[in-house]
Protein backbone atom coordinates (compact mmCIF):
# COMPACT_ATOMS: atom_id res chain seq x y z
CA MET A 1 9.69 -28.14 -64.28
CA LEU A 2 6.24 -28.67 -66.02
CA THR A 3 5.88 -32.12 -64.42
CA HIS A 4 3.19 -31.03 -61.99
CA PRO A 5 1.10 -28.23 -63.44
CA THR A 6 0.80 -31.37 -66.67
CA HIS A 7 -0.32 -33.76 -63.65
CA ASP A 8 -2.58 -31.35 -62.46
CA ARG A 9 -4.00 -30.50 -65.60
CA LEU A 10 -4.55 -34.33 -66.91
CA VAL A 11 -6.44 -34.43 -63.52
CA ALA A 12 -8.85 -31.49 -64.64
CA LEU A 13 -9.38 -33.03 -67.90
CA GLY A 14 -10.28 -36.29 -66.22
CA LEU A 15 -7.47 -38.28 -67.45
CA THR A 16 -6.76 -39.34 -64.00
CA GLY A 17 -4.94 -42.79 -65.20
CA MET A 18 -2.97 -40.93 -67.52
CA ALA A 19 -1.85 -38.61 -64.57
CA LYS A 20 -1.03 -41.88 -62.52
CA ALA A 21 1.22 -43.29 -65.33
CA LEU A 22 3.00 -39.75 -65.21
CA GLU A 23 3.96 -39.71 -61.79
CA GLU A 24 4.87 -43.51 -61.62
CA GLN A 25 7.40 -42.79 -64.58
CA ARG A 26 8.64 -39.70 -62.79
CA LYS A 27 9.57 -42.39 -60.12
CA GLN A 28 11.73 -44.76 -62.85
CA PRO A 29 15.10 -44.07 -63.05
CA ASP A 30 15.25 -45.68 -66.43
CA ILE A 31 12.59 -44.17 -68.01
CA ALA A 32 14.28 -41.75 -70.26
CA ALA A 33 15.71 -45.02 -72.30
CA LEU A 34 11.82 -44.92 -73.65
CA ASN A 35 11.58 -42.56 -76.53
CA PHE A 36 8.46 -40.16 -76.13
CA GLU A 37 5.71 -42.36 -78.26
CA GLU A 38 6.53 -45.13 -76.17
CA ARG A 39 6.16 -43.27 -72.62
CA LEU A 40 2.89 -41.65 -74.08
CA ALA A 41 1.81 -44.95 -74.96
CA LEU A 42 2.19 -46.47 -71.05
CA MET A 43 -0.09 -43.21 -70.47
CA VAL A 44 -2.38 -43.87 -72.51
CA ASP A 45 -2.56 -47.78 -71.60
CA ARG A 46 -3.04 -46.67 -68.29
CA GLU A 47 -5.76 -44.36 -68.85
CA ALA A 48 -7.91 -47.37 -70.81
CA ILE A 49 -7.36 -49.84 -67.72
CA GLU A 50 -8.48 -46.93 -65.58
CA ARG A 51 -11.51 -46.31 -67.56
CA GLU A 52 -12.63 -49.96 -67.77
CA ASN A 53 -12.14 -50.54 -64.11
CA LYS A 54 -14.36 -47.53 -63.35
CA ARG A 55 -16.73 -48.69 -65.83
CA LEU A 56 -16.59 -52.52 -63.98
CA VAL A 57 -17.01 -50.94 -60.51
CA SER A 58 -20.35 -48.88 -62.09
CA ARG A 59 -21.72 -52.07 -63.87
CA LEU A 60 -21.75 -54.09 -60.65
CA LYS A 61 -22.86 -51.57 -58.33
CA PHE A 62 -25.84 -51.14 -60.57
CA ALA A 63 -26.17 -54.90 -60.96
CA SER A 64 -26.64 -55.60 -56.90
CA LEU A 65 -25.36 -59.13 -57.13
CA ARG A 66 -26.59 -61.08 -54.20
CA GLN A 67 -23.19 -63.04 -54.22
CA SER A 68 -19.54 -62.01 -54.51
CA ALA A 69 -18.89 -64.74 -57.00
CA VAL A 70 -16.69 -65.00 -59.84
CA VAL A 71 -16.20 -67.99 -62.57
CA GLU A 72 -12.74 -68.57 -62.04
CA ASP A 73 -13.94 -69.90 -58.22
CA VAL A 74 -16.64 -72.08 -59.71
CA ASP A 75 -16.22 -75.62 -57.88
CA MET A 76 -16.01 -78.01 -60.87
CA LYS A 77 -15.60 -81.02 -58.99
CA ALA A 78 -18.23 -80.32 -56.57
CA PRO A 79 -21.29 -83.57 -56.94
CA ARG A 80 -23.86 -81.64 -58.03
CA GLY A 81 -24.45 -82.55 -61.89
CA LEU A 82 -23.19 -79.49 -63.22
CA ASP A 83 -22.46 -79.65 -67.14
CA LYS A 84 -19.16 -78.48 -67.27
CA ALA A 85 -18.89 -78.07 -70.85
CA LEU A 86 -22.32 -76.14 -71.17
CA PHE A 87 -20.91 -74.03 -68.28
CA ALA A 88 -17.54 -73.01 -70.11
CA ARG A 89 -19.88 -72.12 -73.25
CA LEU A 90 -22.33 -69.89 -71.14
CA VAL A 91 -18.66 -68.25 -69.32
CA ALA A 92 -17.76 -67.07 -73.00
CA GLY A 93 -21.10 -65.53 -73.39
CA ASP A 94 -22.11 -65.85 -76.63
CA TRP A 95 -25.53 -66.93 -75.63
CA ILE A 96 -26.05 -63.18 -74.16
CA ALA A 97 -24.82 -61.49 -77.46
CA ARG A 98 -27.44 -64.04 -79.16
CA HIS A 99 -30.41 -62.84 -76.77
CA GLN A 100 -30.87 -66.62 -75.27
CA SER A 101 -31.37 -67.43 -71.60
CA LEU A 102 -30.48 -69.78 -69.09
CA LEU A 103 -32.73 -71.90 -66.16
CA ILE A 104 -30.72 -73.24 -63.25
CA CYS A 105 -32.89 -75.69 -61.75
CA GLY A 106 -31.98 -78.08 -58.85
CA PRO A 107 -32.45 -78.30 -54.96
CA THR A 108 -31.76 -75.70 -52.06
CA GLY A 109 -27.99 -75.32 -51.62
CA THR A 110 -26.65 -76.55 -54.50
CA GLY A 111 -25.60 -73.29 -55.64
CA LYS A 112 -27.70 -71.91 -58.39
CA SER A 113 -27.70 -68.50 -57.06
CA TRP A 114 -23.93 -68.35 -56.85
CA LEU A 115 -23.35 -69.87 -60.43
CA ALA A 116 -25.93 -67.11 -61.54
CA CYS A 117 -24.34 -64.39 -59.92
CA ALA A 118 -20.71 -65.60 -60.87
CA LEU A 119 -22.50 -65.41 -64.82
CA GLY A 120 -23.52 -61.83 -63.64
CA HIS A 121 -20.16 -60.64 -62.71
CA LYS A 122 -18.31 -62.23 -66.07
CA ALA A 123 -20.86 -60.13 -67.70
CA CYS A 124 -20.20 -57.38 -66.20
CA ARG A 125 -16.86 -57.92 -66.89
CA ASP A 126 -17.49 -58.06 -70.91
CA ASP A 127 -19.06 -54.76 -70.48
CA ARG A 128 -22.73 -55.75 -70.48
CA SER A 129 -25.19 -54.21 -68.04
CA VAL A 130 -26.58 -56.61 -65.72
CA LEU A 131 -29.53 -56.84 -63.06
CA TYR A 132 -30.41 -59.22 -60.31
CA HIS A 133 -33.56 -59.47 -58.55
CA ARG A 134 -34.98 -62.10 -56.17
CA VAL A 135 -38.23 -62.83 -57.84
CA PRO A 136 -40.29 -62.57 -54.40
CA ARG A 137 -38.82 -59.03 -53.50
CA LEU A 138 -39.23 -57.89 -57.08
CA PHE A 139 -43.09 -58.52 -57.01
CA ASP A 140 -42.99 -56.61 -53.82
CA ALA A 141 -41.35 -53.51 -55.50
CA LEU A 142 -43.73 -53.76 -58.77
CA ALA A 143 -46.73 -54.05 -56.55
CA LEU A 144 -45.17 -50.74 -54.71
CA ALA A 145 -44.37 -49.16 -57.92
CA ARG A 146 -47.79 -49.92 -59.54
CA GLY A 147 -49.03 -47.66 -56.31
CA ASP A 148 -47.06 -45.03 -56.74
CA GLY A 149 -46.90 -44.34 -60.68
CA ARG A 150 -43.31 -46.03 -61.35
CA HIS A 151 -44.59 -49.13 -62.52
CA ALA A 152 -44.25 -48.85 -66.35
CA ARG A 153 -40.28 -47.04 -65.56
CA LEU A 154 -39.48 -50.07 -63.32
CA LEU A 155 -40.42 -52.69 -66.52
CA LYS A 156 -38.85 -50.32 -68.79
CA ASN A 157 -35.60 -50.64 -66.60
CA LEU A 158 -35.87 -54.48 -66.28
CA ALA A 159 -36.72 -54.70 -70.26
CA ARG A 160 -33.28 -53.11 -71.70
CA VAL A 161 -30.66 -54.60 -69.30
CA GLU A 162 -28.57 -56.91 -71.61
CA LEU A 163 -28.91 -59.67 -68.54
CA LEU A 164 -31.62 -59.80 -66.05
CA ILE A 165 -31.03 -62.37 -63.34
CA LEU A 166 -34.28 -63.70 -61.57
CA ASP A 167 -33.28 -65.66 -58.83
CA ASP A 168 -36.30 -67.54 -56.20
CA TRP A 169 -38.49 -68.29 -59.06
CA GLY A 170 -41.46 -70.41 -57.99
CA LEU A 171 -41.11 -70.51 -54.12
CA ALA A 172 -44.99 -69.63 -54.14
CA THR A 173 -47.71 -69.57 -56.83
CA LEU A 174 -47.60 -66.59 -58.44
CA SER A 175 -51.16 -64.68 -58.34
CA ALA A 176 -53.10 -62.97 -61.48
CA GLU A 177 -51.18 -59.62 -60.90
CA GLN A 178 -47.73 -61.28 -60.70
CA GLY A 179 -48.19 -63.73 -63.24
CA ARG A 180 -49.26 -60.30 -65.64
CA ASP A 181 -45.84 -58.91 -64.55
CA ILE A 182 -43.76 -61.69 -65.60
CA LEU A 183 -45.40 -61.99 -68.94
CA GLU A 184 -44.98 -58.26 -69.53
CA ILE A 185 -40.94 -58.76 -68.41
CA VAL A 186 -40.44 -61.81 -70.69
CA GLU A 187 -42.19 -60.35 -73.78
CA ASP A 188 -40.13 -57.22 -73.00
CA ARG A 189 -37.43 -59.09 -72.96
CA HIS A 190 -37.99 -61.96 -75.69
CA ASN A 191 -35.11 -61.79 -78.50
CA ARG A 192 -34.16 -58.76 -77.09
CA GLY A 193 -32.34 -59.55 -73.92
CA SER A 194 -31.21 -62.64 -71.97
CA THR A 195 -32.72 -63.82 -68.97
CA ILE A 196 -31.39 -66.22 -66.00
CA VAL A 197 -33.92 -67.85 -63.96
CA THR A 198 -33.26 -69.86 -61.02
CA SER A 199 -35.62 -72.52 -59.64
CA GLN A 200 -36.09 -75.39 -56.74
CA LEU A 201 -39.00 -76.30 -58.69
CA PRO A 202 -37.89 -78.60 -61.95
CA VAL A 203 -39.22 -76.73 -65.41
CA ASP A 204 -41.88 -79.23 -65.83
CA HIS A 205 -43.50 -77.81 -62.82
CA TRP A 206 -43.56 -74.30 -63.13
CA HIS A 207 -46.63 -73.71 -65.21
CA GLU A 208 -48.18 -75.53 -61.81
CA ALA A 209 -46.17 -72.63 -60.05
CA ILE A 210 -48.54 -69.91 -62.35
CA ALA A 211 -52.13 -69.46 -61.04
CA ASN A 212 -53.78 -68.45 -64.76
CA PRO A 213 -52.92 -71.22 -66.98
CA THR A 214 -53.51 -68.68 -70.18
CA ILE A 215 -50.58 -66.77 -68.78
CA ALA A 216 -48.84 -69.58 -68.01
CA ASP A 217 -48.55 -70.66 -71.51
CA ALA A 218 -47.66 -67.19 -72.68
CA ILE A 219 -44.42 -66.92 -70.04
CA LEU A 220 -43.27 -70.53 -70.65
CA ASP A 221 -43.54 -70.12 -74.54
CA ARG A 222 -41.05 -67.09 -74.00
CA LEU A 223 -39.20 -67.83 -71.60
CA VAL A 224 -38.43 -71.84 -71.79
CA HIS A 225 -37.56 -72.58 -75.85
CA ASN A 226 -35.09 -70.08 -76.26
CA ALA A 227 -32.79 -71.01 -72.79
CA HIS A 228 -30.04 -73.42 -71.90
CA ARG A 229 -30.62 -75.40 -68.49
CA LEU A 230 -28.25 -76.39 -65.93
CA THR A 231 -29.45 -78.99 -63.78
CA LEU A 232 -28.42 -79.27 -60.57
CA LYS A 233 -28.45 -82.31 -58.08
CA GLY A 234 -27.30 -83.47 -55.00
CA GLU A 235 -27.04 -82.52 -51.28
CA SER A 236 -26.48 -78.89 -50.33
CA MET A 237 -22.97 -77.46 -50.67
CA ARG A 238 -24.15 -75.47 -47.19
CA LYS A 239 -24.57 -78.59 -45.54
CA MET A 240 -21.14 -80.19 -46.66
CA ALA A 241 -19.18 -76.86 -45.99
CA ALA A 242 -20.95 -77.27 -42.37
CA ASN A 243 -19.87 -80.67 -41.96
CA ARG A 244 -16.23 -80.34 -43.28
CA ALA A 245 -15.90 -77.36 -40.57
CA GLY A 246 -17.14 -79.75 -38.05
CA LEU A 247 -20.58 -77.60 -37.58
CA ASP A 248 -22.68 -80.63 -37.71
CA GLY A 249 -23.28 -81.30 -34.08
CA LYS A 250 -20.85 -83.84 -33.74
CA GLN A 251 -17.79 -83.63 -31.41
CA ASP A 252 -14.21 -84.33 -33.31
CA ALA A 253 -12.88 -87.07 -32.09
């Protein structure tokens, strides 16, 4: 008789997982075989899972990952020189706890952004805060924020996430202002947070992509020396996928 009022009270208290579990138990004819504590434990477990799922949805929404990628779907057999042992350690996530960074370099199409987003998704699943930005658009956002008074707040938001993903670094030479912005970001995050940077440029050429050599030295000193590296190679995976799908412009025999 009190089942429905109890369900409503659980929902009103924000215990939606327990409310769902209660309704599920009502529909199970053999539930009476369990004692009170066992049934309560099932409801509490359901509530914990419900809250964890809500937190994950919230973290993924905040992260704004470019790719819907998960580490379980990474193609470990693709001929691109992926260091499997290192990648397994990166998936485990200890490097984030130690505030280390990751540099992913390689030609276009080798899956740099996809791998970065997969690791970002895994970090979200591990209850870590993650934020993704393409570097060219981040510079646009910072320039706009500088004009309307939000610049300091945006830098603060970038500083406090546990994992920051900076995608497509080095597509163009950084201006003096952009160099100072990146320096502020890496300085704020040095030994306080982890950063993934993807780039078509080999790390040895990053210095050339920053107009001011003094700022370049400062950025690379903070970013490179405390970072793991994944160096990819080979053909574009997009091109290989297109060829497999018969989209290479050739007629099938």
